[in-house]
N, C-alpha and C. Protein backbone atom coordinates (compact mmCIF):
# COMPACT_ATOMS: atom_id res chain seq x y z
N MET A 1 -26.13 -8.97 -25.02
CA MET A 1 -24.83 -8.95 -24.36
C MET A 1 -25.05 -9.16 -22.88
N TRP A 2 -24.23 -10.04 -22.32
CA TRP A 2 -24.29 -10.37 -20.90
C TRP A 2 -22.95 -10.01 -20.29
N ILE A 3 -22.96 -9.14 -19.29
CA ILE A 3 -21.73 -8.78 -18.56
C ILE A 3 -21.68 -9.67 -17.33
N ARG A 4 -20.56 -10.38 -17.18
CA ARG A 4 -20.43 -11.31 -16.05
C ARG A 4 -18.98 -11.38 -15.61
N GLU A 5 -18.79 -11.93 -14.39
CA GLU A 5 -17.43 -12.17 -13.89
C GLU A 5 -16.77 -13.22 -14.77
N GLU A 6 -15.46 -13.11 -14.95
CA GLU A 6 -14.76 -14.14 -15.70
C GLU A 6 -14.83 -15.46 -14.96
N GLY A 7 -14.82 -16.54 -15.72
CA GLY A 7 -14.77 -17.88 -15.16
C GLY A 7 -13.52 -18.59 -15.65
N PRO A 8 -13.24 -19.79 -15.13
CA PRO A 8 -12.02 -20.51 -15.51
C PRO A 8 -11.93 -20.80 -17.01
N ASP A 9 -13.06 -21.01 -17.67
CA ASP A 9 -13.05 -21.29 -19.11
C ASP A 9 -12.81 -20.05 -19.95
N ASP A 10 -12.79 -18.88 -19.32
CA ASP A 10 -12.63 -17.61 -20.06
C ASP A 10 -11.18 -17.17 -20.18
N ILE A 11 -10.28 -17.80 -19.45
CA ILE A 11 -8.89 -17.31 -19.38
C ILE A 11 -8.23 -17.27 -20.75
N ASP A 12 -8.26 -18.35 -21.50
CA ASP A 12 -7.64 -18.35 -22.83
C ASP A 12 -8.36 -17.42 -23.79
N PRO A 13 -9.70 -17.43 -23.84
CA PRO A 13 -10.38 -16.47 -24.72
C PRO A 13 -10.08 -15.00 -24.37
N ILE A 14 -9.94 -14.70 -23.07
CA ILE A 14 -9.59 -13.32 -22.67
C ILE A 14 -8.20 -12.98 -23.19
N HIS A 15 -7.26 -13.89 -23.00
CA HIS A 15 -5.90 -13.65 -23.48
C HIS A 15 -5.90 -13.38 -24.99
N ASP A 16 -6.61 -14.21 -25.74
CA ASP A 16 -6.67 -14.03 -27.19
C ASP A 16 -7.36 -12.72 -27.56
N LEU A 17 -8.43 -12.39 -26.85
CA LEU A 17 -9.16 -11.14 -27.11
C LEU A 17 -8.27 -9.92 -26.88
N VAL A 18 -7.54 -9.91 -25.77
CA VAL A 18 -6.68 -8.76 -25.46
C VAL A 18 -5.63 -8.58 -26.55
N ARG A 19 -5.02 -9.67 -26.99
CA ARG A 19 -4.02 -9.58 -28.06
C ARG A 19 -4.66 -9.05 -29.35
N LYS A 20 -5.83 -9.54 -29.66
CA LYS A 20 -6.54 -9.12 -30.88
C LYS A 20 -6.95 -7.64 -30.80
N ALA A 21 -7.46 -7.22 -29.64
CA ALA A 21 -7.92 -5.84 -29.48
C ALA A 21 -6.78 -4.83 -29.60
N PHE A 22 -5.57 -5.22 -29.18
CA PHE A 22 -4.44 -4.30 -29.21
C PHE A 22 -3.49 -4.55 -30.38
N ALA A 23 -3.87 -5.44 -31.29
CA ALA A 23 -3.06 -5.66 -32.50
C ALA A 23 -3.00 -4.33 -33.27
N GLY A 24 -1.86 -4.03 -33.82
CA GLY A 24 -1.71 -2.76 -34.54
C GLY A 24 -1.21 -1.62 -33.66
N PHE A 25 -1.20 -1.83 -32.35
CA PHE A 25 -0.64 -0.86 -31.42
C PHE A 25 0.78 -1.29 -31.08
N PRO A 26 1.61 -0.40 -30.54
CA PRO A 26 2.96 -0.81 -30.15
C PRO A 26 2.90 -2.04 -29.24
N GLY A 27 3.69 -3.05 -29.56
CA GLY A 27 3.72 -4.28 -28.79
C GLY A 27 2.70 -5.32 -29.20
N GLU A 28 1.80 -4.94 -30.09
CA GLU A 28 0.79 -5.87 -30.62
C GLU A 28 -0.02 -6.57 -29.53
N GLY A 29 -0.25 -5.91 -28.41
CA GLY A 29 -1.08 -6.48 -27.36
C GLY A 29 -0.35 -7.40 -26.39
N LYS A 30 0.95 -7.60 -26.61
CA LYS A 30 1.69 -8.49 -25.71
C LYS A 30 1.76 -7.94 -24.29
N LEU A 31 2.02 -6.65 -24.16
CA LEU A 31 2.12 -6.03 -22.83
C LEU A 31 0.78 -6.11 -22.10
N GLU A 32 -0.30 -5.76 -22.79
CA GLU A 32 -1.63 -5.78 -22.16
C GLU A 32 -2.02 -7.21 -21.77
N GLY A 33 -1.74 -8.17 -22.66
CA GLY A 33 -2.02 -9.56 -22.34
C GLY A 33 -1.23 -10.05 -21.15
N ARG A 34 0.04 -9.69 -21.11
CA ARG A 34 0.91 -10.08 -20.00
C ARG A 34 0.44 -9.41 -18.70
N THR A 35 -0.04 -8.17 -18.81
CA THR A 35 -0.54 -7.47 -17.62
C THR A 35 -1.71 -8.23 -17.01
N VAL A 36 -2.69 -8.59 -17.83
CA VAL A 36 -3.86 -9.32 -17.32
C VAL A 36 -3.44 -10.68 -16.75
N ASP A 37 -2.59 -11.39 -17.47
CA ASP A 37 -2.14 -12.71 -17.01
C ASP A 37 -1.40 -12.61 -15.68
N THR A 38 -0.54 -11.59 -15.53
CA THR A 38 0.22 -11.41 -14.29
C THR A 38 -0.70 -11.03 -13.14
N LEU A 39 -1.64 -10.13 -13.38
CA LEU A 39 -2.60 -9.76 -12.33
C LEU A 39 -3.37 -10.99 -11.86
N ARG A 40 -3.81 -11.81 -12.80
CA ARG A 40 -4.55 -13.02 -12.44
C ARG A 40 -3.67 -13.98 -11.63
N ALA A 41 -2.45 -14.20 -12.10
CA ALA A 41 -1.54 -15.14 -11.42
C ALA A 41 -1.23 -14.68 -10.00
N ASP A 42 -1.19 -13.36 -9.79
CA ASP A 42 -0.90 -12.81 -8.46
C ASP A 42 -2.16 -12.57 -7.62
N HIS A 43 -3.30 -13.07 -8.09
CA HIS A 43 -4.57 -12.89 -7.39
C HIS A 43 -4.86 -11.41 -7.17
N ALA A 44 -4.52 -10.59 -8.15
CA ALA A 44 -4.70 -9.15 -8.05
C ALA A 44 -5.81 -8.63 -8.97
N LEU A 45 -6.57 -9.53 -9.59
CA LEU A 45 -7.73 -9.09 -10.37
C LEU A 45 -8.90 -8.95 -9.39
N ALA A 46 -9.09 -7.75 -8.88
CA ALA A 46 -10.16 -7.52 -7.92
C ALA A 46 -11.52 -7.67 -8.59
N VAL A 47 -11.62 -7.19 -9.83
CA VAL A 47 -12.82 -7.33 -10.65
C VAL A 47 -12.34 -7.65 -12.05
N SER A 48 -12.87 -8.72 -12.62
CA SER A 48 -12.52 -9.11 -13.99
C SER A 48 -13.82 -9.51 -14.68
N LEU A 49 -14.29 -8.63 -15.56
CA LEU A 49 -15.58 -8.83 -16.21
C LEU A 49 -15.41 -9.10 -17.70
N VAL A 50 -16.31 -9.92 -18.23
CA VAL A 50 -16.35 -10.17 -19.66
C VAL A 50 -17.71 -9.77 -20.20
N ALA A 51 -17.71 -9.36 -21.47
CA ALA A 51 -18.95 -9.14 -22.22
C ALA A 51 -19.13 -10.39 -23.07
N ASP A 52 -20.19 -11.11 -22.80
CA ASP A 52 -20.49 -12.38 -23.46
C ASP A 52 -21.62 -12.13 -24.46
N ILE A 53 -21.34 -12.34 -25.72
CA ILE A 53 -22.36 -12.22 -26.76
C ILE A 53 -22.53 -13.59 -27.39
N ASP A 54 -23.67 -14.21 -27.11
CA ASP A 54 -23.98 -15.55 -27.65
C ASP A 54 -22.86 -16.55 -27.37
N GLY A 55 -22.30 -16.51 -26.15
CA GLY A 55 -21.26 -17.46 -25.77
C GLY A 55 -19.87 -17.09 -26.23
N ARG A 56 -19.72 -15.95 -26.87
CA ARG A 56 -18.42 -15.49 -27.37
C ARG A 56 -17.97 -14.31 -26.52
N ILE A 57 -16.70 -14.31 -26.09
CA ILE A 57 -16.16 -13.19 -25.31
C ILE A 57 -15.86 -12.03 -26.27
N ALA A 58 -16.65 -10.96 -26.13
CA ALA A 58 -16.51 -9.79 -27.01
C ALA A 58 -15.71 -8.68 -26.36
N GLY A 59 -15.58 -8.72 -25.03
CA GLY A 59 -14.84 -7.68 -24.33
C GLY A 59 -14.43 -8.12 -22.94
N HIS A 60 -13.46 -7.42 -22.40
CA HIS A 60 -12.95 -7.72 -21.06
C HIS A 60 -12.47 -6.43 -20.41
N VAL A 61 -12.69 -6.32 -19.10
CA VAL A 61 -12.13 -5.21 -18.34
C VAL A 61 -11.57 -5.75 -17.03
N ALA A 62 -10.43 -5.21 -16.63
CA ALA A 62 -9.76 -5.61 -15.39
C ALA A 62 -9.68 -4.41 -14.45
N PHE A 63 -9.88 -4.68 -13.18
CA PHE A 63 -9.67 -3.69 -12.11
C PHE A 63 -8.78 -4.37 -11.07
N SER A 64 -7.73 -3.68 -10.67
CA SER A 64 -6.82 -4.23 -9.67
C SER A 64 -6.52 -3.16 -8.62
N PRO A 65 -6.02 -3.56 -7.45
CA PRO A 65 -5.75 -2.59 -6.39
C PRO A 65 -4.73 -1.53 -6.80
N ALA A 66 -4.96 -0.33 -6.33
CA ALA A 66 -4.04 0.80 -6.47
C ALA A 66 -3.92 1.42 -5.08
N ARG A 67 -2.76 1.97 -4.76
CA ARG A 67 -2.56 2.48 -3.41
C ARG A 67 -1.99 3.90 -3.41
N PRO A 68 -2.85 4.91 -3.18
CA PRO A 68 -2.28 6.24 -2.94
C PRO A 68 -1.44 6.21 -1.67
N SER A 69 -0.37 7.00 -1.64
CA SER A 69 0.55 6.95 -0.50
C SER A 69 -0.07 7.46 0.80
N ARG A 70 -1.11 8.30 0.70
CA ARG A 70 -1.81 8.79 1.90
C ARG A 70 -3.25 8.34 1.87
N ASP A 71 -3.70 7.66 2.90
CA ASP A 71 -5.08 7.18 3.00
C ASP A 71 -5.46 6.39 1.76
N GLY A 72 -4.63 5.38 1.45
CA GLY A 72 -4.75 4.70 0.18
C GLY A 72 -5.54 3.42 0.15
N ASP A 73 -6.37 3.17 1.14
CA ASP A 73 -7.13 1.93 1.13
C ASP A 73 -8.31 2.01 0.17
N ARG A 74 -8.65 0.84 -0.37
CA ARG A 74 -9.84 0.65 -1.21
C ARG A 74 -9.85 1.53 -2.47
N TRP A 75 -8.70 1.60 -3.13
CA TRP A 75 -8.59 2.25 -4.43
C TRP A 75 -8.24 1.19 -5.47
N TYR A 76 -8.66 1.43 -6.70
CA TYR A 76 -8.45 0.46 -7.79
C TYR A 76 -8.01 1.20 -9.04
N VAL A 77 -7.37 0.46 -9.93
CA VAL A 77 -7.01 0.99 -11.24
C VAL A 77 -7.80 0.21 -12.29
N LEU A 78 -8.34 0.92 -13.24
CA LEU A 78 -9.06 0.32 -14.36
C LEU A 78 -8.06 0.04 -15.46
N GLY A 79 -8.06 -1.16 -15.96
CA GLY A 79 -7.26 -1.45 -17.13
C GLY A 79 -6.50 -2.76 -17.02
N PRO A 80 -6.23 -3.32 -18.15
CA PRO A 80 -6.70 -2.84 -19.44
C PRO A 80 -8.16 -3.20 -19.70
N VAL A 81 -8.74 -2.47 -20.65
CA VAL A 81 -10.06 -2.79 -21.17
C VAL A 81 -9.86 -3.12 -22.64
N ALA A 82 -10.45 -4.21 -23.08
CA ALA A 82 -10.26 -4.68 -24.45
C ALA A 82 -11.59 -5.11 -25.05
N VAL A 83 -11.80 -4.74 -26.31
CA VAL A 83 -13.01 -5.13 -27.03
C VAL A 83 -12.58 -5.68 -28.38
N ASP A 84 -13.19 -6.79 -28.76
CA ASP A 84 -12.92 -7.39 -30.06
C ASP A 84 -13.13 -6.32 -31.13
N PRO A 85 -12.20 -6.19 -32.07
CA PRO A 85 -12.35 -5.16 -33.11
C PRO A 85 -13.71 -5.20 -33.82
N ALA A 86 -14.28 -6.38 -33.99
CA ALA A 86 -15.58 -6.50 -34.66
C ALA A 86 -16.71 -5.91 -33.82
N ASP A 87 -16.48 -5.76 -32.52
CA ASP A 87 -17.52 -5.25 -31.62
C ASP A 87 -17.25 -3.83 -31.13
N GLN A 88 -16.15 -3.23 -31.57
CA GLN A 88 -15.83 -1.88 -31.12
C GLN A 88 -16.82 -0.88 -31.72
N GLY A 89 -17.09 0.16 -30.95
CA GLY A 89 -18.01 1.19 -31.41
C GLY A 89 -19.47 0.87 -31.16
N HIS A 90 -19.74 -0.23 -30.42
CA HIS A 90 -21.12 -0.62 -30.14
C HIS A 90 -21.46 -0.57 -28.65
N GLY A 91 -20.61 0.08 -27.85
CA GLY A 91 -20.91 0.25 -26.43
C GLY A 91 -20.46 -0.88 -25.53
N VAL A 92 -19.72 -1.85 -26.06
CA VAL A 92 -19.27 -2.99 -25.25
C VAL A 92 -18.31 -2.51 -24.16
N GLY A 93 -17.30 -1.73 -24.53
CA GLY A 93 -16.33 -1.24 -23.56
C GLY A 93 -16.99 -0.36 -22.50
N ALA A 94 -17.89 0.51 -22.92
CA ALA A 94 -18.57 1.40 -21.98
C ALA A 94 -19.41 0.59 -20.99
N ALA A 95 -20.09 -0.44 -21.48
CA ALA A 95 -20.91 -1.27 -20.59
C ALA A 95 -20.03 -2.00 -19.57
N LEU A 96 -18.89 -2.50 -20.02
CA LEU A 96 -17.96 -3.18 -19.10
C LEU A 96 -17.45 -2.21 -18.03
N ILE A 97 -17.06 -1.01 -18.45
CA ILE A 97 -16.51 -0.03 -17.50
C ILE A 97 -17.58 0.39 -16.50
N ARG A 98 -18.78 0.71 -16.99
CA ARG A 98 -19.85 1.14 -16.07
C ARG A 98 -20.19 0.04 -15.06
N THR A 99 -20.27 -1.20 -15.53
CA THR A 99 -20.57 -2.31 -14.62
C THR A 99 -19.45 -2.48 -13.59
N GLY A 100 -18.21 -2.42 -14.04
CA GLY A 100 -17.08 -2.55 -13.12
C GLY A 100 -17.05 -1.46 -12.07
N LEU A 101 -17.32 -0.23 -12.48
CA LEU A 101 -17.34 0.88 -11.52
C LEU A 101 -18.47 0.70 -10.51
N ARG A 102 -19.61 0.19 -10.97
CA ARG A 102 -20.73 -0.07 -10.05
C ARG A 102 -20.34 -1.16 -9.04
N VAL A 103 -19.66 -2.21 -9.49
CA VAL A 103 -19.21 -3.28 -8.59
C VAL A 103 -18.26 -2.69 -7.53
N LEU A 104 -17.33 -1.84 -7.95
CA LEU A 104 -16.41 -1.22 -6.99
C LEU A 104 -17.16 -0.39 -5.96
N GLN A 105 -18.15 0.37 -6.40
CA GLN A 105 -18.94 1.17 -5.46
C GLN A 105 -19.70 0.27 -4.49
N GLU A 106 -20.24 -0.84 -4.99
CA GLU A 106 -20.95 -1.78 -4.11
C GLU A 106 -20.00 -2.38 -3.07
N ARG A 107 -18.73 -2.48 -3.42
CA ARG A 107 -17.72 -3.01 -2.49
C ARG A 107 -17.13 -1.91 -1.60
N GLU A 108 -17.72 -0.74 -1.67
CA GLU A 108 -17.34 0.41 -0.85
C GLU A 108 -15.92 0.89 -1.12
N ALA A 109 -15.53 0.88 -2.38
CA ALA A 109 -14.23 1.43 -2.77
C ALA A 109 -14.23 2.93 -2.56
N ASN A 110 -13.06 3.48 -2.31
CA ASN A 110 -12.92 4.93 -2.21
C ASN A 110 -12.85 5.58 -3.58
N GLY A 111 -12.33 4.84 -4.56
CA GLY A 111 -12.24 5.41 -5.90
C GLY A 111 -11.48 4.51 -6.85
N CYS A 112 -11.34 5.02 -8.06
CA CYS A 112 -10.68 4.29 -9.14
C CYS A 112 -9.84 5.28 -9.94
N VAL A 113 -8.68 4.82 -10.39
CA VAL A 113 -7.82 5.64 -11.25
C VAL A 113 -7.67 4.94 -12.60
N VAL A 114 -7.28 5.71 -13.60
CA VAL A 114 -7.06 5.17 -14.94
C VAL A 114 -5.99 6.01 -15.61
N LEU A 115 -5.25 5.37 -16.49
CA LEU A 115 -4.27 6.05 -17.33
C LEU A 115 -4.78 5.89 -18.76
N GLY A 116 -5.29 6.97 -19.33
CA GLY A 116 -5.86 6.85 -20.66
C GLY A 116 -6.37 8.17 -21.19
N ASP A 117 -7.08 8.10 -22.30
CA ASP A 117 -7.59 9.26 -23.01
C ASP A 117 -8.64 9.99 -22.18
N PRO A 118 -8.37 11.26 -21.81
CA PRO A 118 -9.34 12.01 -21.01
C PRO A 118 -10.69 12.17 -21.72
N GLY A 119 -10.70 12.26 -23.04
CA GLY A 119 -11.94 12.39 -23.77
C GLY A 119 -12.83 11.17 -23.61
N TYR A 120 -12.22 10.00 -23.59
CA TYR A 120 -12.99 8.76 -23.44
C TYR A 120 -13.39 8.54 -21.99
N TYR A 121 -12.41 8.58 -21.08
CA TYR A 121 -12.70 8.24 -19.69
C TYR A 121 -13.44 9.34 -18.94
N GLY A 122 -13.39 10.56 -19.46
CA GLY A 122 -14.13 11.66 -18.86
C GLY A 122 -15.63 11.41 -18.83
N ARG A 123 -16.14 10.68 -19.80
CA ARG A 123 -17.59 10.44 -19.84
C ARG A 123 -18.06 9.51 -18.72
N PHE A 124 -17.12 8.84 -18.05
CA PHE A 124 -17.46 8.00 -16.91
C PHE A 124 -17.26 8.74 -15.59
N GLY A 125 -16.80 9.99 -15.66
CA GLY A 125 -16.57 10.79 -14.47
C GLY A 125 -15.12 10.91 -14.04
N PHE A 126 -14.21 10.28 -14.79
CA PHE A 126 -12.78 10.40 -14.45
C PHE A 126 -12.30 11.80 -14.80
N ARG A 127 -11.47 12.36 -13.90
CA ARG A 127 -10.90 13.69 -14.10
C ARG A 127 -9.47 13.70 -13.56
N PRO A 128 -8.59 14.54 -14.12
CA PRO A 128 -7.29 14.71 -13.48
C PRO A 128 -7.52 15.18 -12.04
N ASP A 129 -6.77 14.62 -11.11
CA ASP A 129 -6.93 14.95 -9.70
C ASP A 129 -5.58 15.43 -9.19
N PRO A 130 -5.47 16.71 -8.84
CA PRO A 130 -4.17 17.24 -8.42
C PRO A 130 -3.63 16.60 -7.15
N LEU A 131 -4.47 15.90 -6.39
CA LEU A 131 -4.01 15.26 -5.16
C LEU A 131 -3.41 13.88 -5.40
N LEU A 132 -3.64 13.31 -6.58
CA LEU A 132 -3.14 11.97 -6.90
C LEU A 132 -2.20 12.05 -8.09
N THR A 133 -1.06 11.40 -7.97
CA THR A 133 -0.07 11.45 -9.05
C THR A 133 0.42 10.06 -9.42
N LEU A 134 0.85 9.94 -10.67
CA LEU A 134 1.51 8.73 -11.15
C LEU A 134 2.73 9.21 -11.92
N PRO A 135 3.93 9.04 -11.33
CA PRO A 135 5.14 9.52 -11.99
C PRO A 135 5.27 8.96 -13.41
N GLY A 136 5.63 9.84 -14.32
CA GLY A 136 5.85 9.44 -15.71
C GLY A 136 4.59 9.42 -16.56
N ALA A 137 3.44 9.67 -15.97
CA ALA A 137 2.20 9.67 -16.75
C ALA A 137 2.15 10.92 -17.62
N PRO A 138 1.70 10.78 -18.87
CA PRO A 138 1.55 11.96 -19.72
C PRO A 138 0.55 12.95 -19.10
N GLU A 139 0.78 14.22 -19.36
CA GLU A 139 -0.08 15.28 -18.82
C GLU A 139 -1.56 15.01 -19.12
N GLY A 140 -2.38 15.01 -18.05
CA GLY A 140 -3.82 14.84 -18.20
C GLY A 140 -4.30 13.41 -18.37
N ALA A 141 -3.39 12.46 -18.61
CA ALA A 141 -3.81 11.09 -18.89
C ALA A 141 -4.11 10.29 -17.62
N PHE A 142 -3.50 10.68 -16.49
CA PHE A 142 -3.77 9.97 -15.24
C PHE A 142 -4.94 10.67 -14.57
N GLN A 143 -6.03 9.92 -14.40
CA GLN A 143 -7.28 10.50 -13.91
C GLN A 143 -7.86 9.66 -12.78
N ALA A 144 -8.71 10.28 -12.00
CA ALA A 144 -9.32 9.58 -10.87
C ALA A 144 -10.82 9.83 -10.84
N LEU A 145 -11.51 8.88 -10.26
CA LEU A 145 -12.94 8.98 -9.99
C LEU A 145 -13.11 8.64 -8.52
N ARG A 146 -13.46 9.64 -7.74
CA ARG A 146 -13.63 9.43 -6.29
C ARG A 146 -15.08 9.04 -6.01
N PHE A 147 -15.23 7.97 -5.21
CA PHE A 147 -16.55 7.52 -4.81
C PHE A 147 -16.93 8.05 -3.43
N THR A 148 -15.92 8.42 -2.62
CA THR A 148 -16.16 8.88 -1.26
C THR A 148 -15.37 10.18 -1.05
N ASP A 149 -15.51 10.73 0.14
CA ASP A 149 -14.75 11.95 0.45
C ASP A 149 -13.46 11.63 1.21
N ALA A 150 -12.98 10.39 1.08
CA ALA A 150 -11.71 10.02 1.72
C ALA A 150 -10.61 10.98 1.27
N GLY A 151 -9.71 11.30 2.17
CA GLY A 151 -8.65 12.26 1.87
C GLY A 151 -7.47 11.65 1.15
N SER A 152 -7.70 10.65 0.33
CA SER A 152 -6.61 9.97 -0.38
C SER A 152 -5.81 10.96 -1.22
N ALA A 153 -4.49 10.82 -1.15
CA ALA A 153 -3.61 11.73 -1.88
C ALA A 153 -2.25 11.07 -2.06
N GLY A 154 -1.44 11.73 -2.87
CA GLY A 154 -0.06 11.30 -3.03
C GLY A 154 0.17 10.48 -4.28
N GLU A 155 1.36 9.90 -4.31
CA GLU A 155 1.77 9.06 -5.44
C GLU A 155 1.03 7.73 -5.36
N VAL A 156 0.45 7.32 -6.49
CA VAL A 156 -0.32 6.08 -6.53
C VAL A 156 0.59 4.93 -6.95
N VAL A 157 0.55 3.85 -6.18
CA VAL A 157 1.34 2.66 -6.46
C VAL A 157 0.43 1.62 -7.10
N LEU A 158 0.86 1.13 -8.25
CA LEU A 158 0.13 0.09 -8.97
C LEU A 158 0.85 -1.24 -8.84
N HIS A 159 0.18 -2.30 -9.20
CA HIS A 159 0.80 -3.63 -9.22
C HIS A 159 2.01 -3.60 -10.16
N PRO A 160 3.04 -4.39 -9.87
CA PRO A 160 4.23 -4.40 -10.73
C PRO A 160 3.94 -4.78 -12.19
N ALA A 161 2.82 -5.42 -12.45
CA ALA A 161 2.46 -5.75 -13.84
C ALA A 161 2.37 -4.50 -14.71
N PHE A 162 2.12 -3.35 -14.07
CA PHE A 162 2.03 -2.08 -14.80
C PHE A 162 3.38 -1.40 -14.93
N GLY A 163 4.41 -1.97 -14.29
CA GLY A 163 5.76 -1.42 -14.41
C GLY A 163 6.05 -0.25 -13.50
N HIS A 164 5.29 -0.11 -12.40
CA HIS A 164 5.51 1.01 -11.46
C HIS A 164 5.76 0.49 -10.06
N HIS A 165 6.84 0.86 -9.46
CA HIS A 165 7.09 0.69 -8.03
C HIS A 165 6.78 -0.70 -7.51
N GLU A 166 7.34 -1.72 -8.15
CA GLU A 166 7.01 -3.07 -7.74
C GLU A 166 7.37 -3.39 -6.29
N ASP A 167 8.36 -2.74 -5.72
CA ASP A 167 8.74 -3.04 -4.35
C ASP A 167 7.72 -2.51 -3.34
N ASP A 168 6.88 -1.55 -3.76
CA ASP A 168 5.93 -0.94 -2.85
C ASP A 168 4.56 -1.61 -2.86
N TRP A 169 4.33 -2.51 -3.82
CA TRP A 169 3.00 -3.08 -3.96
C TRP A 169 2.73 -4.13 -2.91
N VAL A 170 1.54 -4.07 -2.30
CA VAL A 170 1.11 -5.05 -1.32
C VAL A 170 -0.18 -5.67 -1.84
N PRO A 171 -0.26 -7.00 -1.90
CA PRO A 171 -1.46 -7.63 -2.46
C PRO A 171 -2.72 -7.32 -1.66
N GLU A 172 -3.82 -7.32 -2.37
CA GLU A 172 -5.15 -7.13 -1.76
C GLU A 172 -5.48 -8.37 -0.93
N PRO A 173 -5.97 -8.21 0.28
CA PRO A 173 -6.38 -9.39 1.05
C PRO A 173 -7.60 -10.02 0.38
N HIS A 174 -7.64 -11.35 0.32
CA HIS A 174 -8.80 -12.01 -0.27
C HIS A 174 -9.22 -13.23 0.52
């Protein structure tokens, strides 16, 4: 397995993979696929990694800017992460997440947030953070991983692709 940045030839395979990975869930992967496509179209995919197994895209993870209302620079949100059902349970998703978090740290990010299962994301160091909030998030599901001691706090604003506070989102400079 080779973890690498997405390339132009990966866009359609990523879209198909995301739909396939979330088939059987509410929306059948349409929301997750649209989220990745919208982030890409808005140049908001700060990190977009694929797991390449023998030339086949087996997994994908996206990281995009997130902005806590206080001292909110250099924060990111993880998601969605998708793994081909045939490759689930073999560490593909974990490898993508670990690599993405390492890339963020190398870029001197202050931290990363995620909305997801605390049991799964806790193993990467994500924890509920009482200083950071996401309105409407289920109890315990919104978690943060701080890389620095920055005093970031407050309500976190995500890209409008996630359906939160679209008027407050400011694109990442690139």
